[in-house]
All heavy atoms as atom14 arrays in JSON, in Angstrom:
{
  "sequence": "RGEERPSMKEVAMELEGLRVLIQANEKLESTGE",
  "atom14_mask": [
    [1, 1, 1, 1, 1, 1, 1, 1, 1, 1, 1, 0, 0, 0],
    [1, 1, 1, 1, 0, 0, 0, 0, 0, 0, 0, 0, 0, 0],
    [1, 1, 1, 1, 1, 1, 1, 1, 1, 0, 0, 0, 0, 0],
    [1, 1, 1, 1, 1, 1, 1, 1, 1, 0, 0, 0, 0, 0],
    [1, 1, 1, 1, 1, 1, 1, 1, 1, 1, 1, 0, 0, 0],
    [1, 1, 1, 1, 1, 1, 1, 0, 0, 0, 0, 0, 0, 0],
    [1, 1, 1, 1, 1, 1, 0, 0, 0, 0, 0, 0, 0, 0],
    [1, 1, 1, 1, 1, 1, 1, 1, 0, 0, 0, 0, 0, 0],
    [1, 1, 1, 1, 1, 1, 1, 1, 1, 0, 0, 0, 0, 0],
    [1, 1, 1, 1, 1, 1, 1, 1, 1, 0, 0, 0, 0, 0],
    [1, 1, 1, 1, 1, 1, 1, 0, 0, 0, 0, 0, 0, 0],
    [1, 1, 1, 1, 1, 0, 0, 0, 0, 0, 0, 0, 0, 0],
    [1, 1, 1, 1, 1, 1, 1, 1, 0, 0, 0, 0, 0, 0],
    [1, 1, 1, 1, 1, 1, 1, 1, 1, 0, 0, 0, 0, 0],
    [1, 1, 1, 1, 1, 1, 1, 1, 0, 0, 0, 0, 0, 0],
    [1, 1, 1, 1, 1, 1, 1, 1, 1, 0, 0, 0, 0, 0],
    [1, 1, 1, 1, 0, 0, 0, 0, 0, 0, 0, 0, 0, 0],
    [1, 1, 1, 1, 1, 1, 1, 1, 0, 0, 0, 0, 0, 0],
    [1, 1, 1, 1, 1, 1, 1, 1, 1, 1, 1, 0, 0, 0],
    [1, 1, 1, 1, 1, 1, 1, 0, 0, 0, 0, 0, 0, 0],
    [1, 1, 1, 1, 1, 1, 1, 1, 0, 0, 0, 0, 0, 0],
    [1, 1, 1, 1, 1, 1, 1, 1, 0, 0, 0, 0, 0, 0],
    [1, 1, 1, 1, 1, 1, 1, 1, 1, 0, 0, 0, 0, 0],
    [1, 1, 1, 1, 1, 0, 0, 0, 0, 0, 0, 0, 0, 0],
    [1, 1, 1, 1, 1, 1, 1, 1, 0, 0, 0, 0, 0, 0],
    [1, 1, 1, 1, 1, 1, 1, 1, 1, 0, 0, 0, 0, 0],
    [1, 1, 1, 1, 1, 1, 1, 1, 1, 0, 0, 0, 0, 0],
    [1, 1, 1, 1, 1, 1, 1, 1, 0, 0, 0, 0, 0, 0],
    [1, 1, 1, 1, 1, 1, 1, 1, 1, 0, 0, 0, 0, 0],
    [1, 1, 1, 1, 1, 1, 0, 0, 0, 0, 0, 0, 0, 0],
    [1, 1, 1, 1, 1, 1, 1, 0, 0, 0, 0, 0, 0, 0],
    [1, 1, 1, 1, 0, 0, 0, 0, 0, 0, 0, 0, 0, 0],
    [1, 1, 1, 1, 1, 1, 1, 1, 1, 0, 0, 0, 0, 0]
  ],
  "atom14_positions": [
    [[24.84, 40.68, -35.05], [24.17, 39.39, -34.76], [24.29, 39.09, -33.27], [25.38, 39.07, -32.7], [24.8, 38.27, -35.58], [24.65, 38.48, -37.09], [25.22, 37.32, -37.86], [24.5, 36.08, -37.55], [24.83, 34.88, -38.01], [25.88, 34.76, -38.83], [24.14, 33.82, -37.67], [0.0, 0.0, 0.0], [0.0, 0.0, 0.0], [0.0, 0.0, 0.0]],
    [[23.14, 38.86, -32.64], [23.12, 38.64, -31.21], [23.93, 37.44, -30.78], [24.56, 37.45, -29.72], [0.0, 0.0, 0.0], [0.0, 0.0, 0.0], [0.0, 0.0, 0.0], [0.0, 0.0, 0.0], [0.0, 0.0, 0.0], [0.0, 0.0, 0.0], [0.0, 0.0, 0.0], [0.0, 0.0, 0.0], [0.0, 0.0, 0.0], [0.0, 0.0, 0.0]],
    [[23.97, 36.36, -31.6], [24.68, 35.15, -31.19], [26.19, 35.37, -31.14], [26.91, 34.6, -30.5], [24.33, 34.02, -32.16], [24.76, 34.29, -33.6], [24.3, 33.2, -34.57], [23.37, 32.44, -34.22], [24.88, 33.13, -35.65], [0.0, 0.0, 0.0], [0.0, 0.0, 0.0], [0.0, 0.0, 0.0], [0.0, 0.0, 0.0], [0.0, 0.0, 0.0]],
    [[26.69, 36.42, -31.81], [28.12, 36.71, -31.79], [28.52, 37.58, -30.59], [29.7, 37.79, -30.35], [28.53, 37.41, -33.08], [28.35, 36.53, -34.32], [28.7, 37.29, -35.6], [29.06, 38.49, -35.48], [28.63, 36.69, -36.68], [0.0, 0.0, 0.0], [0.0, 0.0, 0.0], [0.0, 0.0, 0.0], [0.0, 0.0, 0.0], [0.0, 0.0, 0.0]],
    [[27.53, 38.1, -29.88], [27.83, 38.92, -28.71], [28.14, 38.03, -27.52], [27.6, 36.92, -27.4], [26.64, 39.83, -28.37], [26.23, 40.77, -29.48], [24.9, 41.43, -29.16], [24.32, 42.03, -30.36], [23.02, 42.33, -30.5], [22.18, 42.06, -29.51], [22.6, 42.88, -31.62], [0.0, 0.0, 0.0], [0.0, 0.0, 0.0], [0.0, 0.0, 0.0]],
    [[28.99, 38.49, -26.59], [29.23, 37.7, -25.36], [28.0, 37.73, -24.48], [27.12, 38.59, -24.62], [30.41, 38.44, -24.71], [30.29, 39.85, -25.21], [29.76, 39.74, -26.6], [0.0, 0.0, 0.0], [0.0, 0.0, 0.0], [0.0, 0.0, 0.0], [0.0, 0.0, 0.0], [0.0, 0.0, 0.0], [0.0, 0.0, 0.0], [0.0, 0.0, 0.0]],
    [[27.92, 36.77, -23.56], [26.84, 36.81, -22.57], [27.18, 37.86, -21.52], [28.32, 38.3, -21.38], [26.69, 35.45, -21.9], [27.84, 35.16, -21.11], [0.0, 0.0, 0.0], [0.0, 0.0, 0.0], [0.0, 0.0, 0.0], [0.0, 0.0, 0.0], [0.0, 0.0, 0.0], [0.0, 0.0, 0.0], [0.0, 0.0, 0.0], [0.0, 0.0, 0.0]],
    [[26.16, 38.27, -20.76], [26.4, 39.27, -19.72], [27.3, 38.7, -18.63], [28.04, 39.45, -17.98], [25.08, 39.76, -19.12], [24.35, 40.78, -19.95], [25.35, 42.21, -20.49], [25.95, 42.86, -18.96], [0.0, 0.0, 0.0], [0.0, 0.0, 0.0], [0.0, 0.0, 0.0], [0.0, 0.0, 0.0], [0.0, 0.0, 0.0], [0.0, 0.0, 0.0]],
    [[27.3, 37.39, -18.44], [28.2, 36.78, -17.45], [29.65, 36.98, -17.89], [30.52, 37.34, -17.1], [27.87, 35.3, -17.27], [28.75, 34.61, -16.22], [28.47, 33.12, -16.14], [27.09, 32.87, -15.57], [26.86, 31.43, -15.31], [0.0, 0.0, 0.0], [0.0, 0.0, 0.0], [0.0, 0.0, 0.0], [0.0, 0.0, 0.0], [0.0, 0.0, 0.0]],
    [[29.91, 36.76, -19.2], [31.27, 36.95, -19.72], [31.68, 38.42, -19.65], [32.82, 38.75, -19.32], [31.33, 36.45, -21.16], [31.16, 34.95, -21.28], [31.0, 34.49, -22.72], [30.47, 35.27, -23.54], [31.39, 33.35, -23.02], [0.0, 0.0, 0.0], [0.0, 0.0, 0.0], [0.0, 0.0, 0.0], [0.0, 0.0, 0.0], [0.0, 0.0, 0.0]],
    [[30.74, 39.32, -19.97], [31.03, 40.76, -19.89], [31.38, 41.15, -18.46], [32.35, 41.87, -18.21], [29.82, 41.58, -20.4], [30.06, 43.07, -20.16], [29.57, 41.32, -21.88], [0.0, 0.0, 0.0], [0.0, 0.0, 0.0], [0.0, 0.0, 0.0], [0.0, 0.0, 0.0], [0.0, 0.0, 0.0], [0.0, 0.0, 0.0], [0.0, 0.0, 0.0]],
    [[30.58, 40.65, -17.51], [30.83, 40.98, -16.1], [32.18, 40.45, -15.64], [32.89, 41.1, -14.87], [29.7, 40.42, -15.24], [0.0, 0.0, 0.0], [0.0, 0.0, 0.0], [0.0, 0.0, 0.0], [0.0, 0.0, 0.0], [0.0, 0.0, 0.0], [0.0, 0.0, 0.0], [0.0, 0.0, 0.0], [0.0, 0.0, 0.0], [0.0, 0.0, 0.0]],
    [[32.56, 39.24, -16.12], [33.86, 38.66, -15.75], [35.02, 39.53, -16.24], [35.97, 39.81, -15.51], [33.99, 37.25, -16.33], [33.13, 36.2, -15.65], [33.17, 34.61, -16.51], [34.91, 34.21, -16.42], [0.0, 0.0, 0.0], [0.0, 0.0, 0.0], [0.0, 0.0, 0.0], [0.0, 0.0, 0.0], [0.0, 0.0, 0.0], [0.0, 0.0, 0.0]],
    [[34.95, 39.99, -17.5], [36.04, 40.8, -18.04], [36.15, 42.14, -17.32], [37.25, 42.62, -17.02], [35.83, 41.01, -19.55], [36.07, 39.76, -20.36], [36.45, 40.08, -21.81], [37.18, 41.06, -22.01], [36.01, 39.34, -22.7], [0.0, 0.0, 0.0], [0.0, 0.0, 0.0], [0.0, 0.0, 0.0], [0.0, 0.0, 0.0], [0.0, 0.0, 0.0]],
    [[35.01, 42.76, -17.02], [35.05, 44.04, -16.31], [35.58, 43.87, -14.9], [36.34, 44.7, -14.39], [33.64, 44.66, -16.28], [33.12, 45.18, -17.62], [31.66, 45.61, -17.49], [33.96, 46.35, -18.11], [0.0, 0.0, 0.0], [0.0, 0.0, 0.0], [0.0, 0.0, 0.0], [0.0, 0.0, 0.0], [0.0, 0.0, 0.0], [0.0, 0.0, 0.0]],
    [[35.19, 42.77, -14.24], [35.71, 42.53, -12.89], [37.2, 42.28, -12.94], [37.96, 42.69, -12.05], [34.97, 41.34, -12.27], [35.33, 41.07, -10.8], [34.94, 42.21, -9.89], [34.08, 43.03, -10.29], [35.5, 42.3, -8.78], [0.0, 0.0, 0.0], [0.0, 0.0, 0.0], [0.0, 0.0, 0.0], [0.0, 0.0, 0.0], [0.0, 0.0, 0.0]],
    [[37.68, 41.6, -14.03], [39.11, 41.39, -14.18], [39.86, 42.7, -14.3], [40.93, 42.87, -13.71], [0.0, 0.0, 0.0], [0.0, 0.0, 0.0], [0.0, 0.0, 0.0], [0.0, 0.0, 0.0], [0.0, 0.0, 0.0], [0.0, 0.0, 0.0], [0.0, 0.0, 0.0], [0.0, 0.0, 0.0], [0.0, 0.0, 0.0], [0.0, 0.0, 0.0]],
    [[39.31, 43.65, -15.07], [39.94, 44.97, -15.19], [39.97, 45.67, -13.84], [40.94, 46.35, -13.49], [39.17, 45.82, -16.21], [39.38, 45.46, -17.69], [38.46, 46.3, -18.57], [40.83, 45.69, -18.09], [0.0, 0.0, 0.0], [0.0, 0.0, 0.0], [0.0, 0.0, 0.0], [0.0, 0.0, 0.0], [0.0, 0.0, 0.0], [0.0, 0.0, 0.0]],
    [[38.9, 45.54, -13.06], [38.87, 46.17, -11.73], [39.93, 45.59, -10.81], [40.63, 46.31, -10.09], [37.49, 45.99, -11.09], [36.41, 46.88, -11.66], [35.2, 46.86, -10.77], [35.53, 47.41, -9.47], [34.87, 47.14, -8.34], [33.87, 46.28, -8.36], [35.23, 47.69, -7.2], [0.0, 0.0, 0.0], [0.0, 0.0, 0.0], [0.0, 0.0, 0.0]],
    [[40.05, 44.26, -10.83], [41.06, 43.61, -9.99], [42.45, 44.05, -10.42], [43.34, 44.25, -9.59], [40.91, 42.08, -10.08], [42.07, 41.39, -9.37], [39.59, 41.65, -9.47], [0.0, 0.0, 0.0], [0.0, 0.0, 0.0], [0.0, 0.0, 0.0], [0.0, 0.0, 0.0], [0.0, 0.0, 0.0], [0.0, 0.0, 0.0], [0.0, 0.0, 0.0]],
    [[42.65, 44.22, -11.71], [43.94, 44.68, -12.22], [44.29, 46.05, -11.63], [45.43, 46.29, -11.21], [43.89, 44.77, -13.75], [45.13, 45.37, -14.42], [46.35, 44.52, -14.14], [44.9, 45.51, -15.92], [0.0, 0.0, 0.0], [0.0, 0.0, 0.0], [0.0, 0.0, 0.0], [0.0, 0.0, 0.0], [0.0, 0.0, 0.0], [0.0, 0.0, 0.0]],
    [[43.31, 46.95, -11.58], [43.56, 48.29, -11.02], [43.95, 48.18, -9.55], [44.91, 48.8, -9.07], [42.3, 49.16, -11.17], [42.06, 49.46, -12.65], [42.45, 50.47, -10.4], [40.77, 50.21, -12.92], [0.0, 0.0, 0.0], [0.0, 0.0, 0.0], [0.0, 0.0, 0.0], [0.0, 0.0, 0.0], [0.0, 0.0, 0.0], [0.0, 0.0, 0.0]],
    [[43.23, 47.32, -8.79], [43.52, 47.17, -7.36], [44.91, 46.58, -7.17], [45.67, 47.0, -6.29], [42.46, 46.29, -6.71], [41.07, 46.91, -6.73], [39.99, 45.92, -6.33], [40.27, 44.77, -6.03], [38.74, 46.38, -6.34], [0.0, 0.0, 0.0], [0.0, 0.0, 0.0], [0.0, 0.0, 0.0], [0.0, 0.0, 0.0], [0.0, 0.0, 0.0]],
    [[45.25, 45.59, -8.02], [46.57, 44.97, -7.9], [47.67, 45.97, -8.27], [48.74, 46.0, -7.65], [46.64, 43.74, -8.79], [0.0, 0.0, 0.0], [0.0, 0.0, 0.0], [0.0, 0.0, 0.0], [0.0, 0.0, 0.0], [0.0, 0.0, 0.0], [0.0, 0.0, 0.0], [0.0, 0.0, 0.0], [0.0, 0.0, 0.0], [0.0, 0.0, 0.0]],
    [[47.41, 46.78, -9.29], [48.36, 47.83, -9.68], [48.69, 48.73, -8.5], [49.84, 49.04, -8.22], [47.78, 48.66, -10.82], [48.34, 48.22, -12.17], [49.47, 47.73, -12.24], [47.55, 48.38, -13.22], [0.0, 0.0, 0.0], [0.0, 0.0, 0.0], [0.0, 0.0, 0.0], [0.0, 0.0, 0.0], [0.0, 0.0, 0.0], [0.0, 0.0, 0.0]],
    [[47.64, 49.19, -7.83], [47.83, 50.1, -6.7], [48.66, 49.44, -5.6], [49.53, 50.05, -4.99], [46.47, 50.55, -6.16], [45.7, 51.41, -7.15], [44.29, 51.7, -6.66], [43.87, 51.09, -5.65], [43.6, 52.54, -7.29], [0.0, 0.0, 0.0], [0.0, 0.0, 0.0], [0.0, 0.0, 0.0], [0.0, 0.0, 0.0], [0.0, 0.0, 0.0]],
    [[48.38, 48.15, -5.36], [49.1, 47.45, -4.31], [50.56, 47.25, -4.68], [51.47, 47.45, -3.86], [48.42, 46.1, -4.05], [49.09, 45.29, -2.94], [48.33, 44.0, -2.7], [49.01, 43.17, -1.6], [48.31, 41.91, -1.37], [0.0, 0.0, 0.0], [0.0, 0.0, 0.0], [0.0, 0.0, 0.0], [0.0, 0.0, 0.0], [0.0, 0.0, 0.0]],
    [[50.82, 46.84, -5.94], [52.19, 46.56, -6.35], [53.02, 47.82, -6.5], [54.22, 47.83, -6.26], [52.17, 45.78, -7.66], [51.57, 44.36, -7.58], [51.59, 43.71, -8.94], [52.33, 43.51, -6.56], [0.0, 0.0, 0.0], [0.0, 0.0, 0.0], [0.0, 0.0, 0.0], [0.0, 0.0, 0.0], [0.0, 0.0, 0.0], [0.0, 0.0, 0.0]],
    [[52.34, 48.93, -6.92], [53.07, 50.19, -7.04], [53.61, 50.65, -5.7], [54.67, 51.26, -5.6], [52.15, 51.26, -7.64], [51.96, 51.11, -9.14], [50.98, 52.13, -9.68], [50.48, 52.94, -8.86], [50.71, 52.12, -10.89], [0.0, 0.0, 0.0], [0.0, 0.0, 0.0], [0.0, 0.0, 0.0], [0.0, 0.0, 0.0], [0.0, 0.0, 0.0]],
    [[52.86, 50.33, -4.64], [53.31, 50.75, -3.32], [54.53, 49.95, -2.86], [55.28, 50.37, -1.99], [52.18, 50.56, -2.3], [51.85, 49.18, -2.18], [0.0, 0.0, 0.0], [0.0, 0.0, 0.0], [0.0, 0.0, 0.0], [0.0, 0.0, 0.0], [0.0, 0.0, 0.0], [0.0, 0.0, 0.0], [0.0, 0.0, 0.0], [0.0, 0.0, 0.0]],
    [[54.76, 48.76, -3.5], [55.92, 47.94, -3.13], [56.99, 47.95, -4.2], [58.0, 47.24, -4.1], [55.47, 46.49, -2.89], [54.88, 45.99, -4.09], [54.45, 46.42, -1.76], [0.0, 0.0, 0.0], [0.0, 0.0, 0.0], [0.0, 0.0, 0.0], [0.0, 0.0, 0.0], [0.0, 0.0, 0.0], [0.0, 0.0, 0.0], [0.0, 0.0, 0.0]],
    [[56.75, 48.7, -5.31], [57.73, 48.81, -6.38], [57.68, 47.66, -7.36], [58.57, 47.5, -8.19], [0.0, 0.0, 0.0], [0.0, 0.0, 0.0], [0.0, 0.0, 0.0], [0.0, 0.0, 0.0], [0.0, 0.0, 0.0], [0.0, 0.0, 0.0], [0.0, 0.0, 0.0], [0.0, 0.0, 0.0], [0.0, 0.0, 0.0], [0.0, 0.0, 0.0]],
    [[56.67, 46.81, -7.29], [56.59, 45.68, -8.21], [56.03, 46.13, -9.54], [55.23, 47.06, -9.62], [55.7, 44.6, -7.61], [56.28, 44.01, -6.32], [55.33, 43.01, -5.71], [54.12, 43.14, -5.91], [55.81, 42.1, -5.04], [0.0, 0.0, 0.0], [0.0, 0.0, 0.0], [0.0, 0.0, 0.0], [0.0, 0.0, 0.0], [0.0, 0.0, 0.0]]
  ]
}
């Protein structure tokens, strides 16, 4: 059912969150966090 699917704005937000997580991981790993 289409109404149960997220909007593309919500999809884009979650994917961008995963990307930011990867960048933060790389930064914190370099400092041991």
